[in-house]
Amino acid sequence: MAKGKKVLTFRPGKPDYDAEEVRKVSIGPSGNLRAPTLRAGKTWYVGFSEDAYNA
């Protein structure tokens, strides 16, 4: 999840994973996923980070 210049990483199944936090940062004010959203295999990229997309 890219938020400004910060990249947030969520890993389901890990002790620090919080599904509510994922929903909070990935859903926009209209109730839809924030744009841009890209799915590559099991990985979701929400928001824009050129570094994350290049990796």
C-alpha atoms as a PDB file:
ATOM      1  CA  MET A   1       0.000   0.000   0.000  1.00  0.00           C
ATOM      2  CA  ALA A   2       1.533   3.301  -1.054  1.00  0.00           C
ATOM      3  CA  LYS A   3       0.443   6.292   0.951  1.00  0.00           C
ATOM      4  CA  GLY A   4       2.256   9.464  -0.055  1.00  0.00           C
ATOM      5  CA  LYS A   5       5.939   8.552  -0.181  1.00  0.00           C
ATOM      6  CA  LYS A   6       5.447   5.827   2.445  1.00  0.00           C
ATOM      7  CA  VAL A   7       4.910   2.169   1.499  1.00  0.00           C
ATOM      8  CA  LEU A   8       2.884   0.024   3.905  1.00  0.00           C
ATOM      9  CA  THR A   9       3.213  -3.763   3.747  1.00  0.00           C
ATOM     10  CA  PHE A  10       0.600  -6.110   5.182  1.00  0.00           C
ATOM     11  CA  ARG A  11       1.230  -9.848   5.471  1.00  0.00           C
ATOM     12  CA  PRO A  12      -1.825 -11.987   6.323  1.00  0.00           C
ATOM     13  CA  GLY A  13      -1.095 -14.679   8.874  1.00  0.00           C
ATOM     14  CA  LYS A  14       1.628 -12.674  10.636  1.00  0.00           C
ATOM     15  CA  PRO A  15       1.099 -11.582  14.267  1.00  0.00           C
ATOM     16  CA  ASP A  16       1.066  -7.858  13.381  1.00  0.00           C
ATOM     17  CA  TYR A  17      -1.557  -8.233  10.595  1.00  0.00           C
ATOM     18  CA  ASP A  18      -4.697  -6.158  11.197  1.00  0.00           C
ATOM     19  CA  ALA A  19      -7.463  -6.679   8.611  1.00  0.00           C
ATOM     20  CA  GLU A  20      -9.302  -3.561   9.784  1.00  0.00           C
ATOM     21  CA  GLU A  21      -6.191  -1.445   9.164  1.00  0.00           C
ATOM     22  CA  VAL A  22      -5.916  -2.891   5.637  1.00  0.00           C
ATOM     23  CA  ARG A  23      -9.538  -1.943   4.933  1.00  0.00           C
ATOM     24  CA  LYS A  24      -9.030   1.520   6.395  1.00  0.00           C
ATOM     25  CA  VAL A  25      -6.061   2.400   4.161  1.00  0.00           C
ATOM     26  CA  SER A  26      -7.179   0.662   0.958  1.00  0.00           C
ATOM     27  CA  ILE A  27     -10.812   1.850   0.693  1.00  0.00           C
ATOM     28  CA  GLY A  28     -11.383   5.416  -0.476  1.00  0.00           C
ATOM     29  CA  PRO A  29     -14.091   7.858   0.607  1.00  0.00           C
ATOM     30  CA  SER A  30     -16.453   6.597  -2.114  1.00  0.00           C
ATOM     31  CA  GLY A  31     -16.304   3.055  -0.692  1.00  0.00           C
ATOM     32  CA  ASN A  32     -14.260   1.700  -3.610  1.00  0.00           C
ATOM     33  CA  LEU A  33     -10.623   0.621  -3.727  1.00  0.00           C
ATOM     34  CA  ARG A  34      -8.224   3.508  -4.000  1.00  0.00           C
ATOM     35  CA  ALA A  35      -6.767   4.033  -7.471  1.00  0.00           C
ATOM     36  CA  PRO A  36      -4.567   2.730  -8.903  1.00  0.00           C
ATOM     37  CA  THR A  37      -4.992  -0.859  -7.739  1.00  0.00           C
ATOM     38  CA  LEU A  38      -2.983  -3.684  -9.286  1.00  0.00           C
ATOM     39  CA  ARG A  39      -3.067  -7.399  -8.527  1.00  0.00           C
ATOM     40  CA  ALA A  40      -0.015  -9.518  -9.399  1.00  0.00           C
ATOM     41  CA  GLY A  41      -0.530 -13.129  -8.283  1.00  0.00           C
ATOM     42  CA  LYS A  42      -1.394 -12.994  -4.574  1.00  0.00           C
ATOM     43  CA  THR A  43       0.070  -9.497  -4.164  1.00  0.00           C
ATOM     44  CA  TRP A  44      -2.077  -6.365  -4.288  1.00  0.00           C
ATOM     45  CA  TYR A  45      -0.621  -2.906  -4.931  1.00  0.00           C
ATOM     46  CA  VAL A  46      -2.897  -0.061  -3.880  1.00  0.00           C
ATOM     47  CA  GLY A  47      -1.798   3.493  -4.616  1.00  0.00           C
ATOM     48  CA  PHE A  48       1.211   4.504  -6.664  1.00  0.00           C
ATOM     49  CA  SER A  49       4.828   3.895  -5.752  1.00  0.00           C
ATOM     50  CA  GLU A  50       7.233   3.682  -8.673  1.00  0.00           C
ATOM     51  CA  ASP A  51       9.770   1.831  -6.497  1.00  0.00           C
ATOM     52  CA  ALA A  52       7.204  -0.812  -5.469  1.00  0.00           C
ATOM     53  CA  TYR A  53       6.011  -1.300  -9.054  1.00  0.00           C
ATOM     54  CA  ASN A  54       9.587  -1.666 -10.324  1.00  0.00           C
ATOM     55  CA  ALA A  55      10.414  -4.260  -7.672  1.00  0.00           C
END
